[in-house]
PDB file of N, CA and C in Angstrom:
ATOM      1  N   MET A   1     -43.783 -36.144  13.742  1.00  0.00           N
ATOM      2  CA  MET A   1     -42.884 -35.969  14.160  1.00  0.00           C
ATOM      3  C   MET A   1     -41.717 -36.220  13.258  1.00  0.00           C
ATOM      4  N   THR A   2     -41.774 -37.385  12.310  1.00  0.00           N
ATOM      5  CA  THR A   2     -40.641 -38.090  11.820  1.00  0.00           C
ATOM      6  C   THR A   2     -40.765 -36.821  10.582  1.00  0.00           C
ATOM      7  N   SER A   3     -41.556 -35.843   9.915  1.00  0.00           N
ATOM      8  CA  SER A   3     -41.505 -35.230   9.062  1.00  0.00           C
ATOM      9  C   SER A   3     -40.863 -33.205   9.805  1.00  0.00           C
ATOM     10  N   PHE A   4     -40.832 -33.391  11.460  1.00  0.00           N
ATOM     11  CA  PHE A   4     -39.753 -32.584  11.787  1.00  0.00           C
ATOM     12  C   PHE A   4     -38.359 -32.915  11.663  1.00  0.00           C
ATOM     13  N   ILE A   5     -38.033 -34.417  12.097  1.00  0.00           N
ATOM     14  CA  ILE A   5     -36.386 -34.543  12.043  1.00  0.00           C
ATOM     15  C   ILE A   5     -36.234 -34.914  10.475  1.00  0.00           C
ATOM     16  N   ARG A   6     -36.812 -34.987   9.969  1.00  0.00           N
ATOM     17  CA  ARG A   6     -35.784 -34.936   8.059  1.00  0.00           C
ATOM     18  C   ARG A   6     -35.708 -32.881   7.870  1.00  0.00           C
ATOM     19  N   ASN A   7     -36.235 -32.529   8.244  1.00  0.00           N
ATOM     20  CA  ASN A   7     -36.449 -31.168   7.793  1.00  0.00           C
ATOM     21  C   ASN A   7     -35.149 -30.678   8.909  1.00  0.00           C
ATOM     22  N   GLN A   8     -34.719 -30.783   9.784  1.00  0.00           N
ATOM     23  CA  GLN A   8     -33.841 -30.340  11.121  1.00  0.00           C
ATOM     24  C   GLN A   8     -32.676 -31.205   9.985  1.00  0.00           C
ATOM     25  N   PHE A   9     -33.079 -32.663   9.521  1.00  0.00           N
ATOM     26  CA  PHE A   9     -31.405 -32.485   8.937  1.00  0.00           C
ATOM     27  C   PHE A   9     -31.340 -32.336   7.598  1.00  0.00           C
ATOM     28  N   THR A  10     -32.248 -32.088   6.650  1.00  0.00           N
ATOM     29  CA  THR A  10     -32.088 -31.658   5.700  1.00  0.00           C
ATOM     30  C   THR A  10     -31.878 -30.268   5.110  1.00  0.00           C
ATOM     31  N   LYS A  11     -32.423 -29.432   5.775  1.00  0.00           N
ATOM     32  CA  LYS A  11     -31.771 -27.770   5.726  1.00  0.00           C
ATOM     33  C   LYS A  11     -30.333 -27.596   5.994  1.00  0.00           C
ATOM     34  N   PRO A  12     -29.687 -28.453   6.999  1.00  0.00           N
ATOM     35  CA  PRO A  12     -28.234 -28.123   7.454  1.00  0.00           C
ATOM     36  C   PRO A  12     -27.061 -28.849   6.249  1.00  0.00           C
ATOM     37  N   ALA A  13     -27.955 -30.559   5.761  1.00  0.00           N
ATOM     38  CA  ALA A  13     -27.268 -30.814   4.429  1.00  0.00           C
ATOM     39  C   ALA A  13     -26.924 -29.822   3.334  1.00  0.00           C
ATOM     40  N   LEU A  14     -28.583 -29.229   3.275  1.00  0.00           N
ATOM     41  CA  LEU A  14     -28.610 -28.241   1.781  1.00  0.00           C
ATOM     42  C   LEU A  14     -28.005 -27.474   2.037  1.00  0.00           C
ATOM     43  N   ALA A  15     -27.781 -26.562   2.901  1.00  0.00           N
ATOM     44  CA  ALA A  15     -26.935 -25.476   3.041  1.00  0.00           C
ATOM     45  C   ALA A  15     -25.181 -25.667   2.948  1.00  0.00           C
ATOM     46  N   ALA A  16     -24.939 -26.768   3.036  1.00  0.00           N
ATOM     47  CA  ALA A  16     -23.538 -26.998   3.417  1.00  0.00           C
ATOM     48  C   ALA A  16     -23.145 -27.753   1.951  1.00  0.00           C
ATOM     49  N   LEU A  17     -24.376 -28.423   1.282  1.00  0.00           N
ATOM     50  CA  LEU A  17     -24.029 -28.476  -0.643  1.00  0.00           C
ATOM     51  C   LEU A  17     -24.098 -27.234  -1.293  1.00  0.00           C
ATOM     52  N   LEU A  18     -24.526 -26.343  -0.572  1.00  0.00           N
ATOM     53  CA  LEU A  18     -24.768 -25.045  -1.663  1.00  0.00           C
ATOM     54  C   LEU A  18     -23.539 -23.991  -1.254  1.00  0.00           C
ATOM     55  N   LEU A  19     -22.980 -24.345   0.050  1.00  0.00           N
ATOM     56  CA  LEU A  19     -21.854 -23.748   0.434  1.00  0.00           C
ATOM     57  C   LEU A  19     -20.295 -24.176  -0.442  1.00  0.00           C
ATOM     58  N   GLY A  20     -20.642 -25.084  -0.329  1.00  0.00           N
ATOM     59  CA  GLY A  20     -19.756 -26.288  -1.239  1.00  0.00           C
ATOM     60  C   GLY A  20     -19.592 -25.450  -2.832  1.00  0.00           C
ATOM     61  N   PHE A  21     -20.860 -25.669  -3.233  1.00  0.00           N
ATOM     62  CA  PHE A  21     -20.946 -25.253  -4.871  1.00  0.00           C
ATOM     63  C   PHE A  21     -20.676 -24.175  -5.086  1.00  0.00           C
ATOM     64  N   ALA A  22     -20.848 -23.284  -4.204  1.00  0.00           N
ATOM     65  CA  ALA A  22     -20.513 -21.420  -4.186  1.00  0.00           C
ATOM     66  C   ALA A  22     -18.709 -21.355  -3.903  1.00  0.00           C
ATOM     67  N   ALA A  23     -18.164 -21.998  -3.427  1.00  0.00           N
ATOM     68  CA  ALA A  23     -16.889 -22.193  -3.024  1.00  0.00           C
ATOM     69  C   ALA A  23     -16.020 -23.052  -4.368  1.00  0.00           C
ATOM     70  N   LEU A  24     -16.953 -23.900  -4.856  1.00  0.00           N
ATOM     71  CA  LEU A  24     -16.263 -24.115  -6.850  1.00  0.00           C
ATOM     72  C   LEU A  24     -16.422 -23.468  -7.193  1.00  0.00           C
ATOM     73  N   ALA A  25     -17.478 -22.799  -7.139  1.00  0.00           N
ATOM     74  CA  ALA A  25     -17.337 -21.466  -8.381  1.00  0.00           C
ATOM     75  C   ALA A  25     -16.648 -20.250  -8.058  1.00  0.00           C
ATOM     76  N   GLN A  26     -16.049 -19.943  -6.722  1.00  0.00           N
ATOM     77  CA  GLN A  26     -15.453 -19.021  -6.844  1.00  0.00           C
ATOM     78  C   GLN A  26     -14.027 -18.632  -7.478  1.00  0.00           C
ATOM     79  N   PHE A  27     -13.455 -20.294  -7.586  1.00  0.00           N
ATOM     80  CA  PHE A  27     -12.643 -20.950  -7.988  1.00  0.00           C
ATOM     81  C   PHE A  27     -12.107 -21.135 -10.030  1.00  0.00           C
ATOM     82  N   PRO A  28     -11.235 -20.357 -10.451  1.00  0.00           N
ATOM     83  CA  PRO A  28     -11.855 -20.878 -11.958  1.00  0.00           C
ATOM     84  C   PRO A  28     -10.911 -22.490 -12.086  1.00  0.00           C
ATOM     85  N   ASP A  29     -10.669 -22.913 -13.463  1.00  0.00           N
ATOM     86  CA  ASP A  29     -10.253 -24.461 -13.742  1.00  0.00           C
ATOM     87  C   ASP A  29      -9.023 -24.299 -13.427  1.00  0.00           C
ATOM     88  N   GLN A  30      -8.382 -23.334 -13.184  1.00  0.00           N
ATOM     89  CA  GLN A  30      -7.102 -23.622 -13.478  1.00  0.00           C
ATOM     90  C   GLN A  30      -6.238 -23.729 -11.594  1.00  0.00           C
ATOM     91  N   PRO A  31      -5.080 -24.297 -12.249  1.00  0.00           N
ATOM     92  CA  PRO A  31      -4.876 -24.943 -10.822  1.00  0.00           C
ATOM     93  C   PRO A  31      -4.171 -24.075 -10.452  1.00  0.00           C
ATOM     94  N   PRO A  32      -3.939 -23.536  -8.771  1.00  0.00           N
ATOM     95  CA  PRO A  32      -3.421 -22.634  -7.660  1.00  0.00           C
ATOM     96  C   PRO A  32      -1.886 -22.009  -8.645  1.00  0.00           C
ATOM     97  N   ASP A  33      -1.292 -22.499  -8.649  1.00  0.00           N
ATOM     98  CA  ASP A  33      -0.009 -22.219  -9.160  1.00  0.00           C
ATOM     99  C   ASP A  33      -0.241 -21.495 -10.464  1.00  0.00           C
ATOM    100  N   GLN A  34      -0.817 -21.989 -11.559  1.00  0.00           N
ATOM    101  CA  GLN A  34      -0.961 -21.329 -12.933  1.00  0.00           C
ATOM    102  C   GLN A  34      -1.921 -19.996 -12.787  1.00  0.00           C
ATOM    103  N   ARG A  35      -3.070 -19.445 -11.733  1.00  0.00           N
ATOM    104  CA  ARG A  35      -3.520 -18.295 -11.230  1.00  0.00           C
ATOM    105  C   ARG A  35      -2.365 -17.403 -11.206  1.00  0.00           C
ATOM    106  N   GLU A  36      -2.923 -15.819 -12.227  1.00  0.00           N
ATOM    107  CA  GLU A  36      -1.863 -14.454 -12.287  1.00  0.00           C
ATOM    108  C   GLU A  36      -2.086 -13.579 -11.183  1.00  0.00           C
ATOM    109  N   ARG A  37      -0.718 -14.239 -10.222  1.00  0.00           N
ATOM    110  CA  ARG A  37      -1.093 -13.246  -8.791  1.00  0.00           C
ATOM    111  C   ARG A  37      -0.591 -11.323  -9.324  1.00  0.00           C
ATOM    112  N   PRO A  38      -0.899 -10.602  -8.284  1.00  0.00           N
ATOM    113  CA  PRO A  38      -0.669  -8.950  -8.737  1.00  0.00           C
ATOM    114  C   PRO A  38       1.105  -8.810  -9.208  1.00  0.00           C
ATOM    115  N   GLU A  39       1.770  -9.648  -8.100  1.00  0.00           N
ATOM    116  CA  GLU A  39       3.440 -10.002  -8.415  1.00  0.00           C
ATOM    117  C   GLU A  39       3.599 -10.242  -9.859  1.00  0.00           C
ATOM    118  N   ASP A  40       3.064 -11.176 -10.103  1.00  0.00           N
ATOM    119  CA  ASP A  40       3.583 -11.816 -11.272  1.00  0.00           C
ATOM    120  C   ASP A  40       3.740 -11.157 -12.743  1.00  0.00           C
ATOM    121  N   ARG A  41       2.181 -10.000 -12.774  1.00  0.00           N
ATOM    122  CA  ARG A  41       1.946  -9.270 -13.693  1.00  0.00           C
ATOM    123  C   ARG A  41       3.290  -8.435 -14.477  1.00  0.00           C
ATOM    124  N   ARG A  42       3.313  -8.656 -15.916  1.00  0.00           N
ATOM    125  CA  ARG A  42       4.858  -8.255 -16.587  1.00  0.00           C
ATOM    126  C   ARG A  42       4.602  -7.296 -17.530  1.00  0.00           C
ATOM    127  N   LEU A  43       5.223  -6.463 -17.664  1.00  0.00           N
ATOM    128  CA  LEU A  43       5.054  -4.761 -18.084  1.00  0.00           C
ATOM    129  C   LEU A  43       4.688  -5.739 -19.886  1.00  0.00           C
ATOM    130  N   PRO A  44       4.649  -4.727 -20.549  1.00  0.00           N
ATOM    131  CA  PRO A  44       5.003  -4.908 -22.245  1.00  0.00           C
ATOM    132  C   PRO A  44       6.335  -5.199 -22.914  1.00  0.00           C
ATOM    133  N   ASN A  45       7.497  -4.786 -21.418  1.00  0.00           N
ATOM    134  CA  ASN A  45       8.849  -4.580 -21.859  1.00  0.00           C
ATOM    135  C   ASN A  45       9.651  -6.071 -21.320  1.00  0.00           C
ATOM    136  N   GLY A  46       8.352  -6.527 -20.378  1.00  0.00           N
ATOM    137  CA  GLY A  46       8.747  -7.666 -20.511  1.00  0.00           C
ATOM    138  C   GLY A  46       9.005  -7.823 -18.599  1.00  0.00           C
ATOM    139  N   LYS A  47       9.364  -6.539 -17.808  1.00  0.00           N
ATOM    140  CA  LYS A  47      10.037  -7.092 -16.613  1.00  0.00           C
ATOM    141  C   LYS A  47       8.387  -7.113 -15.536  1.00  0.00           C
ATOM    142  N   LEU A  48       9.066  -7.550 -14.698  1.00  0.00           N
ATOM    143  CA  LEU A  48       8.117  -7.377 -13.634  1.00  0.00           C
ATOM    144  C   LEU A  48       7.209  -6.756 -12.602  1.00  0.00           C
ATOM    145  N   GLN A  49       6.092  -6.395 -13.038  1.00  0.00           N
ATOM    146  CA  GLN A  49       5.553  -4.782 -12.568  1.00  0.00           C
ATOM    147  C   GLN A  49       5.842  -4.361 -11.114  1.00  0.00           C
ATOM    148  N   SER A  50       5.900  -5.068  -9.995  1.00  0.00           N
ATOM    149  CA  SER A  50       6.107  -4.917  -8.706  1.00  0.00           C
ATOM    150  C   SER A  50       7.955  -4.543  -8.781  1.00  0.00           C
ATOM    151  N   GLU A  51       8.516  -5.163  -9.793  1.00  0.00           N
ATOM    152  CA  GLU A  51      10.063  -4.481  -9.960  1.00  0.00           C
ATOM    153  C   GLU A  51      10.245  -3.581  -9.967  1.00  0.00           C
ATOM    154  N   ALA A  52       9.497  -2.479 -11.239  1.00  0.00           N
ATOM    155  CA  ALA A  52       9.367  -1.766 -11.728  1.00  0.00           C
ATOM    156  C   ALA A  52       8.968  -0.610 -10.620  1.00  0.00           C
ATOM    157  N   ILE A  53       8.045  -0.667  -9.892  1.00  0.00           N
ATOM    158  CA  ILE A  53       6.729   0.151  -8.827  1.00  0.00           C
ATOM    159  C   ILE A  53       8.322   0.156  -7.831  1.00  0.00           C
ATOM    160  N   LEU A  54       8.845  -0.607  -7.436  1.00  0.00           N
ATOM    161  CA  LEU A  54       9.333  -0.232  -6.646  1.00  0.00           C
ATOM    162  C   LEU A  54      11.155   0.446  -7.104  1.00  0.00           C
ATOM    163  N   LYS A  55      11.429   0.324  -8.513  1.00  0.00           N
ATOM    164  CA  LYS A  55      12.502   0.959  -8.565  1.00  0.00           C
ATOM    165  C   LYS A  55      12.165   2.679  -8.661  1.00  0.00           C
ATOM    166  N   ALA A  56      11.166   2.921  -9.292  1.00  0.00           N
ATOM    167  CA  ALA A  56      10.233   4.289  -8.987  1.00  0.00           C
ATOM    168  C   ALA A  56      10.304   4.976  -7.838  1.00  0.00           C
ATOM    169  N   ASP A  57       9.562   4.245  -6.985  1.00  0.00           N
ATOM    170  CA  ASP A  57       9.886   4.156  -5.537  1.00  0.00           C
ATOM    171  C   ASP A  57      10.917   4.584  -4.695  1.00  0.00           C
ATOM    172  N   TYR A  58      12.280   4.019  -4.907  1.00  0.00           N
ATOM    173  CA  TYR A  58      12.978   4.139  -4.865  1.00  0.00           C
ATOM    174  C   TYR A  58      14.185   5.077  -5.575  1.00  0.00           C
ATOM    175  N   GLU A  59      13.746   5.849  -6.409  1.00  0.00           N
ATOM    176  CA  GLU A  59      14.725   6.622  -7.035  1.00  0.00           C
ATOM    177  C   GLU A  59      13.592   8.034  -6.731  1.00  0.00           C
ATOM    178  N   ALA A  60      11.906   7.830  -6.286  1.00  0.00           N
ATOM    179  CA  ALA A  60      11.628   9.038  -5.632  1.00  0.00           C
ATOM    180  C   ALA A  60      11.733   9.090  -3.945  1.00  0.00           C
ATOM    181  N   ASN A  61      12.248   8.348  -3.544  1.00  0.00           N
ATOM    182  CA  ASN A  61      12.965   8.342  -1.998  1.00  0.00           C
ATOM    183  C   ASN A  61      14.295   9.513  -2.479  1.00  0.00           C
ATOM    184  N   LEU A  62      14.909   9.265  -2.996  1.00  0.00           N
ATOM    185  CA  LEU A  62      15.849   9.699  -3.129  1.00  0.00           C
ATOM    186  C   LEU A  62      15.866  11.684  -3.668  1.00  0.00           C
ATOM    187  N   LYS A  63      15.066  11.557  -4.533  1.00  0.00           N
ATOM    188  CA  LYS A  63      14.326  12.619  -5.116  1.00  0.00           C
ATOM    189  C   LYS A  63      13.884  13.552  -3.720  1.00  0.00           C
ATOM    190  N   ASP A  64      13.053  12.814  -2.697  1.00  0.00           N
ATOM    191  CA  ASP A  64      12.298  13.310  -1.548  1.00  0.00           C
ATOM    192  C   ASP A  64      13.271  13.777  -0.641  1.00  0.00           C
ATOM    193  N   ILE A  65      14.298  12.984  -0.642  1.00  0.00           N
ATOM    194  CA  ILE A  65      15.800  13.083   0.569  1.00  0.00           C
ATOM    195  C   ILE A  65      16.225  14.145   0.140  1.00  0.00           C
ATOM    196  N   GLN A  66      17.005  14.132  -0.626  1.00  0.00           N
ATOM    197  CA  GLN A  66      17.602  15.984  -1.598  1.00  0.00           C
ATOM    198  C   GLN A  66      16.718  16.888  -1.376  1.00  0.00           C
ATOM    199  N   SER A  67      15.648  16.951  -1.364  1.00  0.00           N
ATOM    200  CA  SER A  67      14.215  17.864  -1.310  1.00  0.00           C
ATOM    201  C   SER A  67      14.370  18.419   0.610  1.00  0.00           C
ATOM    202  N   ILE A  68      14.525  17.631   0.894  1.00  0.00           N
ATOM    203  CA  ILE A  68      14.228  17.275   2.661  1.00  0.00           C
ATOM    204  C   ILE A  68      15.966  18.206   2.456  1.00  0.00           C
ATOM    205  N   ARG A  69      17.270  17.993   2.827  1.00  0.00           N
ATOM    206  CA  ARG A  69      18.038  18.171   2.865  1.00  0.00           C
ATOM    207  C   ARG A  69      18.409  19.683   2.441  1.00  0.00           C
ATOM    208  N   ALA A  70      17.723  19.623   1.606  1.00  0.00           N
ATOM    209  CA  ALA A  70      17.438  21.649   0.712  1.00  0.00           C
ATOM    210  C   ALA A  70      17.126  22.176   1.982  1.00  0.00           C
ATOM    211  N   LYS A  71      15.799  21.839   2.418  1.00  0.00           N
ATOM    212  CA  LYS A  71      15.000  22.404   2.841  1.00  0.00           C
ATOM    213  C   LYS A  71      15.165  22.681   4.469  1.00  0.00           C
ATOM    214  N   LEU A  72      16.374  21.682   5.123  1.00  0.00           N
ATOM    215  CA  LEU A  72      16.548  21.757   6.195  1.00  0.00           C
ATOM    216  C   LEU A  72      17.873  22.760   6.084  1.00  0.00           C
ATOM    217  N   ASP A  73      18.286  23.097   4.940  1.00  0.00           N
ATOM    218  CA  ASP A  73      19.704  23.241   4.932  1.00  0.00           C
ATOM    219  C   ASP A  73      19.322  25.187   5.364  1.00  0.00           C
ATOM    220  N   THR A  74      17.859  25.380   4.368  1.00  0.00           N
ATOM    221  CA  THR A  74      17.333  27.237   4.448  1.00  0.00           C
ATOM    222  C   THR A  74      17.003  27.227   6.047  1.00  0.00           C
ATOM    223  N   ILE A  75      16.409  26.089   6.217  1.00  0.00           N
ATOM    224  CA  ILE A  75      15.699  26.567   7.951  1.00  0.00           C
ATOM    225  C   ILE A  75      16.498  26.717   8.319  1.00  0.00           C
ATOM    226  N   GLU A  76      18.503  25.812   8.698  1.00  0.00           N
ATOM    227  CA  GLU A  76      19.322  26.368   9.466  1.00  0.00           C
ATOM    228  C   GLU A  76      19.959  27.934   9.557  1.00  0.00           C
ATOM    229  N   ALA A  77      19.533  27.653   7.778  1.00  0.00           N
ATOM    230  CA  ALA A  77      20.223  29.449   7.821  1.00  0.00           C
ATOM    231  C   ALA A  77      19.814  30.564   8.542  1.00  0.00           C
ATOM    232  N   GLU A  78      18.318  30.097   8.634  1.00  0.00           N
ATOM    233  CA  GLU A  78      17.183  31.054   8.652  1.00  0.00           C
ATOM    234  C   GLU A  78      17.353  31.484  10.231  1.00  0.00           C
ATOM    235  N   LEU A  79      17.180  29.907  11.127  1.00  0.00           N
ATOM    236  CA  LEU A  79      17.405  30.116  12.179  1.00  0.00           C
ATOM    237  C   LEU A  79      19.073  30.822  13.054  1.00  0.00           C
ATOM    238  N   LYS A  80      19.730  30.189  12.225  1.00  0.00           N
ATOM    239  CA  LYS A  80      21.280  31.326  12.384  1.00  0.00           C
ATOM    240  C   LYS A  80      20.353  33.097  12.407  1.00  0.00           C
ATOM    241  N   LYS A  81      20.322  33.472  11.559  1.00  0.00           N
ATOM    242  CA  LYS A  81      20.213  34.431  11.445  1.00  0.00           C
ATOM    243  C   LYS A  81      18.523  35.117  12.173  1.00  0.00           C
ATOM    244  N   THR A  82      18.194  34.575  12.912  1.00  0.00           N
ATOM    245  CA  THR A  82      16.747  35.092  13.975  1.00  0.00           C
ATOM    246  C   THR A  82      18.189  35.008  15.075  1.00  0.00           C
ATOM    247  N   THR A  83      17.164  35.647  16.390  1.00  0.00           N
ATOM    248  CA  THR A  83      17.651  35.457  17.961  1.00  0.00           C
ATOM    249  C   THR A  83      17.418  34.467  18.582  1.00  0.00           C
ATOM    250  N   GLY A  84      16.418  34.235  18.515  1.00  0.00           N
ATOM    251  CA  GLY A  84      16.038  32.681  19.288  1.00  0.00           C
ATOM    252  C   GLY A  84      14.784  32.847  19.622  1.00  0.00           C
ATOM    253  N   HIS A  85      14.568  34.271  19.448  1.00  0.00           N
ATOM    254  CA  HIS A  85      12.597  34.302  19.884  1.00  0.00           C
ATOM    255  C   HIS A  85      11.670  34.127  18.720  1.00  0.00           C
ATOM    256  N   VAL A  86      12.046  34.648  17.661  1.00  0.00           N
ATOM    257  CA  VAL A  86      11.189  34.691  16.713  1.00  0.00           C
ATOM    258  C   VAL A  86      11.829  33.365  15.084  1.00  0.00           C
ATOM    259  N   LEU A  87      11.141  32.739  14.857  1.00  0.00           N
ATOM    260  CA  LEU A  87      11.006  31.086  13.768  1.00  0.00           C
ATOM    261  C   LEU A  87      10.295  32.366  12.206  1.00  0.00           C
ATOM    262  N   SER A  88      10.541  32.508  11.376  1.00  0.00           N
ATOM    263  CA  SER A  88      10.040  32.680  10.412  1.00  0.00           C
ATOM    264  C   SER A  88       8.979  31.820   9.571  1.00  0.00           C
ATOM    265  N   LEU A  89       8.234  32.823   9.323  1.00  0.00           N
ATOM    266  CA  LEU A  89       6.996  31.901   8.525  1.00  0.00           C
ATOM    267  C   LEU A  89       7.384  30.850   7.365  1.00  0.00           C
ATOM    268  N   LYS A  90       8.235  31.058   6.704  1.00  0.00           N
ATOM    269  CA  LYS A  90       8.536  30.236   5.611  1.00  0.00           C
ATOM    270  C   LYS A  90       9.420  28.946   6.175  1.00  0.00           C
ATOM    271  N   ALA A  91      10.098  29.271   7.553  1.00  0.00           N
ATOM    272  CA  ALA A  91      10.780  28.297   8.133  1.00  0.00           C
ATOM    273  C   ALA A  91       9.877  26.678   8.488  1.00  0.00           C
ATOM    274  N   THR A  92       8.667  27.930   8.852  1.00  0.00           N
ATOM    275  CA  THR A  92       7.259  26.971   9.471  1.00  0.00           C
ATOM    276  C   THR A  92       7.423  26.135   8.603  1.00  0.00           C
ATOM    277  N   LYS A  93       6.787  26.889   7.001  1.00  0.00           N
ATOM    278  CA  LYS A  93       5.989  26.166   5.761  1.00  0.00           C
ATOM    279  C   LYS A  93       6.732  25.356   5.227  1.00  0.00           C
ATOM    280  N   ASP A  94       8.318  25.136   5.476  1.00  0.00           N
ATOM    281  CA  ASP A  94       9.484  24.139   4.716  1.00  0.00           C
ATOM    282  C   ASP A  94       9.491  23.414   6.116  1.00  0.00           C
ATOM    283  N   LEU A  95       9.028  23.340   7.548  1.00  0.00           N
ATOM    284  CA  LEU A  95       8.817  22.419   8.188  1.00  0.00           C
ATOM    285  C   LEU A  95       8.156  21.667   8.136  1.00  0.00           C
ATOM    286  N   GLU A  96       6.810  22.008   7.562  1.00  0.00           N
ATOM    287  CA  GLU A  96       5.331  21.616   7.235  1.00  0.00           C
ATOM    288  C   GLU A  96       5.697  20.370   5.780  1.00  0.00           C
ATOM    289  N   GLU A  97       6.395  20.841   4.986  1.00  0.00           N
ATOM    290  CA  GLU A  97       6.412  20.365   3.790  1.00  0.00           C
ATOM    291  C   GLU A  97       7.666  19.534   3.859  1.00  0.00           C
ATOM    292  N   ILE A  98       8.241  19.500   4.997  1.00  0.00           N
ATOM    293  CA  ILE A  98       9.756  18.368   5.390  1.00  0.00           C
ATOM    294  C   ILE A  98       8.577  17.411   5.696  1.00  0.00           C
ATOM    295  N   GLU A  99       7.651  17.043   6.805  1.00  0.00           N
ATOM    296  CA  GLU A  99       6.469  16.474   7.505  1.00  0.00           C
ATOM    297  C   GLU A  99       5.838  15.670   6.769  1.00  0.00           C
ATOM    298  N   LYS A 100       5.134  16.462   5.097  1.00  0.00           N
ATOM    299  CA  LYS A 100       4.464  15.715   4.416  1.00  0.00           C
ATOM    300  C   LYS A 100       5.100  14.874   3.272  1.00  0.00           C
ATOM    301  N   THR A 101       6.868  15.607   3.084  1.00  0.00           N
ATOM    302  CA  THR A 101       7.528  14.790   2.265  1.00  0.00           C
ATOM    303  C   THR A 101       7.912  13.279   2.924  1.00  0.00           C
ATOM    304  N   ALA A 102       7.632  13.581   4.276  1.00  0.00           N
ATOM    305  CA  ALA A 102       8.419  12.243   5.098  1.00  0.00           C
ATOM    306  C   ALA A 102       7.413  11.377   5.392  1.00  0.00           C
ATOM    307  N   ARG A 103       5.856  11.696   5.323  1.00  0.00           N
ATOM    308  CA  ARG A 103       4.914  10.567   5.473  1.00  0.00           C
ATOM    309  C   ARG A 103       4.798  10.159   4.360  1.00  0.00           C
ATOM    310  N   ARG A 104       4.898  10.952   2.907  1.00  0.00           N
ATOM    311  CA  ARG A 104       5.064  10.185   1.459  1.00  0.00           C
ATOM    312  C   ARG A 104       5.926   9.507   1.642  1.00  0.00           C
ATOM    313  N   MET A 105       7.380   9.622   2.089  1.00  0.00           N
ATOM    314  CA  MET A 105       8.482   8.291   1.831  1.00  0.00           C
ATOM    315  C   MET A 105       8.165   7.170   2.656  1.00  0.00           C
ATOM    316  N   ARG A 106       7.248   7.414   4.096  1.00  0.00           N
ATOM    317  CA  ARG A 106       7.085   5.755   5.195  1.00  0.00           C
ATOM    318  C   ARG A 106       6.017   5.708   3.685  1.00  0.00           C
ATOM    319  N   GLY A 107       4.953   5.964   3.561  1.00  0.00           N
ATOM    320  CA  GLY A 107       4.166   5.056   2.864  1.00  0.00           C
ATOM    321  C   GLY A 107       4.522   4.800   1.491  1.00  0.00           C
ATOM    322  N   ARG A 108       5.317   5.090   1.036  1.00  0.00           N
ATOM    323  CA  ARG A 108       5.990   4.222  -0.235  1.00  0.00           C
ATOM    324  C   ARG A 108       7.430   3.282   0.141  1.00  0.00           C
ATOM    325  N   MET A 109       7.359   3.653   1.408  1.00  0.00           N
ATOM    326  CA  MET A 109       8.594   2.463   1.994  1.00  0.00           C
ATOM    327  C   MET A 109       7.521   1.337   2.604  1.00  0.00           C
ATOM    328  N   ILE A 110       6.468   1.444   3.267  1.00  0.00           N
ATOM    329  CA  ILE A 110       5.913   0.322   3.684  1.00  0.00           C
ATOM    330  C   ILE A 110       5.160  -0.491   3.036  1.00  0.00           C
ATOM    331  N   ARG A 111       4.753   0.377   1.818  1.00  0.00           N
ATOM    332  CA  ARG A 111       3.657  -0.562   0.855  1.00  0.00           C
ATOM    333  C   ARG A 111       4.619  -2.266   0.414  1.00  0.00           C
ATOM    334  N   TYR A 112       5.622  -2.372   0.180  1.00  0.00           N
ATOM    335  CA  TYR A 112       6.386  -3.953   0.043  1.00  0.00           C
ATOM    336  C   TYR A 112       6.781  -4.000   1.168  1.00  0.00           C
TER     337      TYR A 112
END
């Protein structure tokens, strides 16, 4: 009976000890504030990588907005040419391209 009780107490204690060692091995020797976080990475020119990504995303969004406006202008011109019962194939392709561009922009905007 005593060996049964001893086994019942030593197994959980051993498991807790092993889990503690595994948790310690997971963290490096550096303190948490000195570990490099992904948003703290710097480019060779010294700028933050996250700032460079944000700037590139902003410029890409401006470019996409201009392309959407151009496509909307062409769709509007084609709609004015038609009688209202017919929509050209080019206009539907432009609308699909606008949707794809908008999804791409939304993905960039919600990233950060």
